[in-house]
């Protein structure tokens, strides 16, 4: 039997960062805690199988590198695509996420390409 997971993030502004991740992943925000709640926010997969993202308000800003990070897939089958097609698909997703407020970081090409990014609160993630 598999188990669903919730990935929990500390956040300065939970509703805003939940909105970013909902837009980035095609998720929906869940206001089950009430429309006036600003200390907690949820983004979840409307189709059900993806992990729920929970954002909890904390008083301090992020100080060090994440110990866990998300990989956002560009939607291309890495085994059947050329390196150039894979890089182009990553670039498309990077541009979309940048328009939502993410910051682009270094690009890597090893066995497969990826780009490191940070969300609007500075949490690292990769586009693969």
N, C-alpha and C. Protein backbone atom coordinates (compact mmCIF):
# COMPACT_ATOMS: atom_id res chain seq x y z
N UNK A 1 0.84 -1.18 0.00
CA UNK A 1 0.00 0.00 0.00
C UNK A 1 0.89 1.25 0.00
N UNK A 2 0.63 2.16 -0.89
CA UNK A 2 1.39 3.41 -0.90
C UNK A 2 0.75 4.41 0.06
N UNK A 3 1.51 5.41 0.43
CA UNK A 3 1.02 6.45 1.33
C UNK A 3 1.20 7.80 0.67
N UNK A 4 0.22 8.66 0.82
CA UNK A 4 0.34 10.03 0.35
C UNK A 4 1.22 10.80 1.30
N UNK A 5 1.89 11.82 0.79
CA UNK A 5 2.74 12.65 1.64
C UNK A 5 2.35 14.12 1.49
N UNK A 6 2.65 14.86 2.53
CA UNK A 6 2.56 16.31 2.51
C UNK A 6 3.98 16.82 2.71
N UNK A 7 4.40 17.73 1.87
CA UNK A 7 5.71 18.37 2.01
C UNK A 7 5.46 19.71 2.66
N UNK A 8 6.09 19.95 3.81
CA UNK A 8 5.83 21.15 4.59
C UNK A 8 7.01 22.11 4.48
N UNK A 9 6.68 23.38 4.24
CA UNK A 9 7.68 24.44 4.10
C UNK A 9 7.45 25.49 5.18
N UNK A 10 8.54 26.00 5.75
CA UNK A 10 8.45 27.22 6.54
C UNK A 10 8.32 28.37 5.54
N UNK A 11 7.55 29.41 5.90
CA UNK A 11 7.32 30.51 4.97
C UNK A 11 7.13 31.82 5.71
N UNK A 12 7.54 32.89 5.07
CA UNK A 12 7.27 34.23 5.59
C UNK A 12 5.84 34.65 5.25
N UNK A 13 5.39 34.31 4.04
CA UNK A 13 4.05 34.67 3.55
C UNK A 13 3.39 33.44 2.94
N UNK A 14 2.79 32.58 3.78
CA UNK A 14 2.24 31.32 3.27
C UNK A 14 1.26 31.46 2.11
N UNK A 15 0.28 32.36 2.14
CA UNK A 15 -0.64 32.42 1.00
C UNK A 15 0.05 32.77 -0.32
N UNK A 16 1.02 33.67 -0.29
CA UNK A 16 1.70 34.07 -1.52
C UNK A 16 2.56 32.95 -2.07
N UNK A 17 3.29 32.26 -1.22
CA UNK A 17 4.15 31.18 -1.71
C UNK A 17 3.31 29.98 -2.14
N UNK A 18 2.17 29.74 -1.50
CA UNK A 18 1.25 28.68 -1.94
C UNK A 18 0.70 29.01 -3.32
N UNK A 19 0.38 30.29 -3.56
CA UNK A 19 -0.10 30.70 -4.89
C UNK A 19 0.97 30.47 -5.95
N UNK A 20 2.24 30.79 -5.63
CA UNK A 20 3.33 30.56 -6.59
C UNK A 20 3.40 29.08 -6.95
N UNK A 21 3.46 28.20 -5.93
CA UNK A 21 3.62 26.78 -6.21
C UNK A 21 2.38 26.20 -6.88
N UNK A 22 1.20 26.69 -6.56
CA UNK A 22 -0.01 26.23 -7.24
C UNK A 22 0.08 26.56 -8.73
N UNK A 23 0.50 27.77 -9.06
CA UNK A 23 0.65 28.17 -10.47
C UNK A 23 1.77 27.38 -11.15
N UNK A 24 2.87 27.17 -10.44
CA UNK A 24 4.02 26.48 -11.02
C UNK A 24 3.72 25.02 -11.34
N UNK A 25 2.88 24.38 -10.53
CA UNK A 25 2.64 22.95 -10.67
C UNK A 25 1.27 22.60 -11.25
N UNK A 26 0.45 23.61 -11.52
CA UNK A 26 -0.91 23.31 -11.97
C UNK A 26 -1.77 22.81 -10.82
N UNK A 27 -1.42 23.19 -9.61
CA UNK A 27 -2.16 22.81 -8.41
C UNK A 27 -3.24 23.86 -8.13
N UNK A 28 -4.03 23.60 -7.11
CA UNK A 28 -5.02 24.55 -6.63
C UNK A 28 -4.69 24.85 -5.17
N UNK A 29 -4.97 26.07 -4.75
CA UNK A 29 -4.82 26.37 -3.33
C UNK A 29 -6.08 25.90 -2.62
N UNK A 30 -5.91 25.54 -1.38
CA UNK A 30 -7.01 25.01 -0.58
C UNK A 30 -7.18 25.93 0.61
N UNK A 31 -8.34 26.57 0.70
CA UNK A 31 -8.58 27.51 1.80
C UNK A 31 -9.40 26.87 2.91
N UNK A 32 -9.22 25.57 3.14
CA UNK A 32 -10.00 24.87 4.16
C UNK A 32 -9.75 25.40 5.56
N UNK A 33 -8.66 26.18 5.72
CA UNK A 33 -8.39 26.77 7.02
C UNK A 33 -9.08 28.12 7.18
N UNK A 34 -9.79 28.56 6.16
CA UNK A 34 -10.53 29.82 6.23
C UNK A 34 -9.88 30.89 5.40
N UNK A 35 -10.71 31.72 4.78
CA UNK A 35 -10.22 32.75 3.86
C UNK A 35 -9.34 33.78 4.56
N UNK A 36 -9.54 34.01 5.85
CA UNK A 36 -8.75 35.03 6.56
C UNK A 36 -7.49 34.46 7.19
N UNK A 37 -7.21 33.19 6.97
CA UNK A 37 -6.04 32.56 7.56
C UNK A 37 -4.78 32.95 6.80
N UNK A 38 -3.80 33.50 7.48
CA UNK A 38 -2.54 33.88 6.83
C UNK A 38 -1.34 33.12 7.38
N UNK A 39 -1.55 32.30 8.41
CA UNK A 39 -0.44 31.57 9.02
C UNK A 39 -0.21 30.20 8.40
N UNK A 40 -1.13 29.76 7.55
CA UNK A 40 -1.02 28.44 6.94
C UNK A 40 -1.69 28.51 5.57
N UNK A 41 -1.10 27.82 4.60
CA UNK A 41 -1.69 27.75 3.26
C UNK A 41 -1.33 26.40 2.65
N UNK A 42 -2.19 25.93 1.77
CA UNK A 42 -2.02 24.62 1.16
C UNK A 42 -2.15 24.75 -0.35
N UNK A 43 -1.29 24.04 -1.07
CA UNK A 43 -1.42 23.85 -2.51
C UNK A 43 -1.48 22.35 -2.73
N UNK A 44 -2.47 21.91 -3.53
CA UNK A 44 -2.58 20.47 -3.75
C UNK A 44 -3.01 20.16 -5.17
N UNK A 45 -2.66 18.97 -5.58
CA UNK A 45 -2.94 18.48 -6.92
C UNK A 45 -4.44 18.27 -7.07
N UNK A 46 -5.09 18.99 -8.00
CA UNK A 46 -6.54 18.81 -8.15
C UNK A 46 -6.91 17.42 -8.66
N UNK A 47 -5.96 16.71 -9.26
CA UNK A 47 -6.22 15.36 -9.74
C UNK A 47 -5.94 14.30 -8.69
N UNK A 48 -5.33 14.70 -7.58
CA UNK A 48 -5.16 13.81 -6.45
C UNK A 48 -3.84 13.14 -6.21
N UNK A 49 -3.08 12.69 -7.22
CA UNK A 49 -1.91 11.86 -6.91
C UNK A 49 -0.67 12.62 -6.41
N UNK A 50 -0.55 13.90 -6.72
CA UNK A 50 0.64 14.64 -6.32
C UNK A 50 0.66 14.93 -4.83
N UNK A 51 1.83 15.19 -4.28
CA UNK A 51 1.90 15.50 -2.85
C UNK A 51 1.26 16.84 -2.54
N UNK A 52 0.70 16.95 -1.37
CA UNK A 52 0.16 18.22 -0.88
C UNK A 52 1.34 19.06 -0.39
N UNK A 53 1.31 20.35 -0.66
CA UNK A 53 2.32 21.27 -0.17
C UNK A 53 1.69 22.14 0.90
N UNK A 54 2.29 22.14 2.08
CA UNK A 54 1.78 22.89 3.22
C UNK A 54 2.79 23.96 3.58
N UNK A 55 2.33 25.20 3.74
CA UNK A 55 3.20 26.33 4.04
C UNK A 55 2.79 26.91 5.39
N UNK A 56 3.75 26.95 6.32
CA UNK A 56 3.50 27.44 7.68
C UNK A 56 4.30 28.70 7.93
N UNK A 57 3.64 29.72 8.47
CA UNK A 57 4.32 30.98 8.77
C UNK A 57 5.33 30.78 9.89
N UNK A 58 6.54 31.30 9.67
CA UNK A 58 7.59 31.35 10.69
C UNK A 58 8.12 32.78 10.74
N UNK A 59 8.69 33.19 11.85
CA UNK A 59 9.13 34.59 11.96
C UNK A 59 10.45 34.90 11.25
N UNK A 60 11.26 33.89 10.99
CA UNK A 60 12.58 34.14 10.42
C UNK A 60 12.62 33.76 8.94
N UNK A 61 13.46 34.46 8.19
CA UNK A 61 13.66 34.16 6.77
C UNK A 61 14.54 32.91 6.64
N UNK A 62 14.51 32.31 5.47
CA UNK A 62 15.37 31.16 5.17
C UNK A 62 16.83 31.58 5.33
N UNK A 63 17.64 30.73 5.98
CA UNK A 63 19.02 31.11 6.28
C UNK A 63 20.07 30.26 5.56
N UNK A 64 19.75 29.02 5.26
CA UNK A 64 20.74 28.13 4.65
C UNK A 64 20.11 27.33 3.51
N UNK A 65 20.93 26.55 2.86
CA UNK A 65 20.47 25.72 1.75
C UNK A 65 19.43 24.71 2.24
N UNK A 66 18.44 24.43 1.37
CA UNK A 66 17.44 23.41 1.68
C UNK A 66 18.11 22.06 1.91
N UNK A 67 17.59 21.29 2.82
CA UNK A 67 18.03 19.89 2.99
C UNK A 67 17.24 18.99 2.05
N UNK A 68 16.04 19.42 1.65
CA UNK A 68 15.18 18.70 0.72
C UNK A 68 14.74 19.72 -0.32
N UNK A 69 14.67 19.31 -1.58
CA UNK A 69 14.16 20.24 -2.59
C UNK A 69 13.28 19.49 -3.58
N UNK A 70 12.46 20.22 -4.28
CA UNK A 70 11.59 19.65 -5.29
C UNK A 70 12.29 19.67 -6.64
N UNK A 71 12.03 18.66 -7.46
CA UNK A 71 12.43 18.66 -8.86
C UNK A 71 11.15 18.82 -9.67
N UNK A 72 11.08 19.85 -10.47
CA UNK A 72 9.94 20.10 -11.35
C UNK A 72 10.30 19.54 -12.71
N UNK A 73 9.53 18.58 -13.18
CA UNK A 73 9.83 17.93 -14.45
C UNK A 73 9.30 18.78 -15.61
N UNK A 74 10.08 18.83 -16.68
CA UNK A 74 9.75 19.67 -17.83
C UNK A 74 8.75 19.02 -18.77
N UNK A 75 8.38 17.77 -18.50
CA UNK A 75 7.36 17.12 -19.29
C UNK A 75 7.86 16.35 -20.50
N UNK A 76 9.16 16.19 -20.60
CA UNK A 76 9.72 15.46 -21.74
C UNK A 76 10.26 14.13 -21.24
N UNK A 77 10.12 13.08 -22.05
CA UNK A 77 10.66 11.78 -21.71
C UNK A 77 12.17 11.83 -21.92
N UNK A 78 12.91 11.83 -20.82
CA UNK A 78 14.36 12.00 -20.91
C UNK A 78 15.04 10.85 -21.63
N UNK A 79 14.45 9.69 -21.66
CA UNK A 79 15.11 8.56 -22.31
C UNK A 79 14.95 8.60 -23.82
N UNK A 80 13.87 9.23 -24.33
CA UNK A 80 13.64 9.22 -25.76
C UNK A 80 13.93 10.54 -26.44
N UNK A 81 14.35 11.55 -25.71
CA UNK A 81 14.55 12.88 -26.27
C UNK A 81 16.04 13.16 -26.49
N UNK A 82 16.30 13.98 -27.47
CA UNK A 82 17.69 14.42 -27.67
C UNK A 82 18.05 15.41 -26.56
N UNK A 83 19.33 15.59 -26.34
CA UNK A 83 19.80 16.55 -25.37
C UNK A 83 19.27 17.94 -25.69
N UNK A 84 19.28 18.32 -26.96
CA UNK A 84 18.80 19.65 -27.36
C UNK A 84 17.31 19.82 -27.07
N UNK A 85 16.50 18.78 -27.35
CA UNK A 85 15.06 18.86 -27.06
C UNK A 85 14.81 18.95 -25.56
N UNK A 86 15.60 18.19 -24.78
CA UNK A 86 15.45 18.23 -23.33
C UNK A 86 15.82 19.62 -22.80
N UNK A 87 16.92 20.18 -23.27
CA UNK A 87 17.32 21.52 -22.84
C UNK A 87 16.28 22.56 -23.24
N UNK A 88 15.70 22.43 -24.42
CA UNK A 88 14.67 23.38 -24.86
C UNK A 88 13.42 23.28 -23.98
N UNK A 89 13.04 22.07 -23.61
CA UNK A 89 11.87 21.89 -22.73
C UNK A 89 12.14 22.49 -21.36
N UNK A 90 13.34 22.30 -20.84
CA UNK A 90 13.71 22.90 -19.56
C UNK A 90 13.66 24.42 -19.67
N UNK A 91 14.20 24.98 -20.74
CA UNK A 91 14.21 26.44 -20.92
C UNK A 91 12.79 26.99 -20.95
N UNK A 92 11.86 26.28 -21.54
CA UNK A 92 10.47 26.73 -21.58
C UNK A 92 9.88 26.80 -20.18
N UNK A 93 10.12 25.76 -19.37
CA UNK A 93 9.60 25.74 -18.00
C UNK A 93 10.30 26.80 -17.16
N UNK A 94 11.60 26.97 -17.33
CA UNK A 94 12.34 28.00 -16.59
C UNK A 94 11.76 29.38 -16.89
N UNK A 95 11.47 29.67 -18.13
CA UNK A 95 10.89 30.96 -18.51
C UNK A 95 9.53 31.15 -17.86
N UNK A 96 8.71 30.10 -17.86
CA UNK A 96 7.39 30.19 -17.23
C UNK A 96 7.50 30.45 -15.73
N UNK A 97 8.39 29.72 -15.07
CA UNK A 97 8.54 29.88 -13.62
C UNK A 97 9.16 31.23 -13.27
N UNK A 98 10.05 31.72 -14.11
CA UNK A 98 10.62 33.05 -13.90
C UNK A 98 9.52 34.11 -13.98
N UNK A 99 8.59 33.94 -14.90
CA UNK A 99 7.49 34.91 -15.03
C UNK A 99 6.57 34.89 -13.81
N UNK A 100 6.60 33.78 -13.04
CA UNK A 100 5.79 33.68 -11.82
C UNK A 100 6.53 34.20 -10.58
N UNK A 101 7.81 34.53 -10.74
CA UNK A 101 8.57 35.08 -9.61
C UNK A 101 9.75 34.26 -9.17
N UNK A 102 10.01 33.12 -9.81
CA UNK A 102 11.20 32.32 -9.46
C UNK A 102 12.44 33.01 -10.02
N UNK A 103 13.58 32.65 -9.46
CA UNK A 103 14.86 33.20 -9.91
C UNK A 103 15.69 32.06 -10.50
N UNK A 104 16.19 32.29 -11.70
CA UNK A 104 16.99 31.29 -12.39
C UNK A 104 18.40 31.27 -11.84
N UNK A 105 18.93 30.06 -11.67
CA UNK A 105 20.29 29.88 -11.19
C UNK A 105 21.12 29.16 -12.23
N UNK A 106 22.11 28.39 -11.79
CA UNK A 106 23.00 27.73 -12.73
C UNK A 106 22.32 26.60 -13.52
N UNK A 107 22.88 26.36 -14.69
CA UNK A 107 22.45 25.26 -15.55
C UNK A 107 23.51 24.18 -15.51
N UNK A 108 23.08 22.94 -15.59
CA UNK A 108 24.02 21.82 -15.56
C UNK A 108 23.68 20.86 -16.68
N UNK A 109 24.67 20.26 -17.26
CA UNK A 109 24.48 19.19 -18.24
C UNK A 109 25.49 18.11 -17.87
N UNK A 110 24.97 17.04 -17.29
CA UNK A 110 25.82 15.89 -16.97
C UNK A 110 25.20 14.71 -17.70
N UNK A 111 24.66 13.75 -16.99
CA UNK A 111 23.96 12.66 -17.65
C UNK A 111 22.68 13.20 -18.28
N UNK A 112 21.99 14.04 -17.54
CA UNK A 112 20.82 14.75 -18.05
C UNK A 112 20.94 16.21 -17.63
N UNK A 113 20.32 17.12 -18.38
CA UNK A 113 20.42 18.54 -18.01
C UNK A 113 19.43 18.91 -16.91
N UNK A 114 19.76 19.95 -16.17
CA UNK A 114 18.83 20.54 -15.21
C UNK A 114 19.24 21.97 -14.93
N UNK A 115 18.29 22.73 -14.41
CA UNK A 115 18.54 24.11 -14.02
C UNK A 115 18.11 24.28 -12.57
N UNK A 116 18.95 24.92 -11.77
CA UNK A 116 18.64 25.23 -10.39
C UNK A 116 17.91 26.56 -10.37
N UNK A 117 16.85 26.64 -9.56
CA UNK A 117 16.09 27.88 -9.42
C UNK A 117 15.77 28.08 -7.94
N UNK A 118 15.28 29.25 -7.60
CA UNK A 118 14.74 29.50 -6.27
C UNK A 118 13.34 30.08 -6.42
N UNK A 119 12.47 29.71 -5.48
CA UNK A 119 11.12 30.26 -5.48
C UNK A 119 11.17 31.68 -4.89
N UNK A 120 10.06 32.40 -4.86
CA UNK A 120 10.08 33.78 -4.36
C UNK A 120 10.57 33.95 -2.92
N UNK A 121 10.60 32.88 -2.13
CA UNK A 121 11.12 32.98 -0.76
C UNK A 121 12.53 32.41 -0.63
N UNK A 122 13.15 32.05 -1.75
CA UNK A 122 14.54 31.61 -1.73
C UNK A 122 14.75 30.12 -1.59
N UNK A 123 13.69 29.31 -1.65
CA UNK A 123 13.84 27.86 -1.57
C UNK A 123 14.34 27.32 -2.90
N UNK A 124 15.41 26.53 -2.85
CA UNK A 124 15.97 25.96 -4.06
C UNK A 124 15.08 24.85 -4.58
N UNK A 125 15.01 24.76 -5.91
CA UNK A 125 14.39 23.63 -6.59
C UNK A 125 15.06 23.50 -7.94
N UNK A 126 14.84 22.38 -8.60
CA UNK A 126 15.45 22.15 -9.92
C UNK A 126 14.37 21.92 -10.96
N UNK A 127 14.66 22.33 -12.17
CA UNK A 127 13.85 21.98 -13.33
C UNK A 127 14.64 20.93 -14.08
N UNK A 128 14.04 19.76 -14.25
CA UNK A 128 14.74 18.62 -14.86
C UNK A 128 14.01 18.14 -16.08
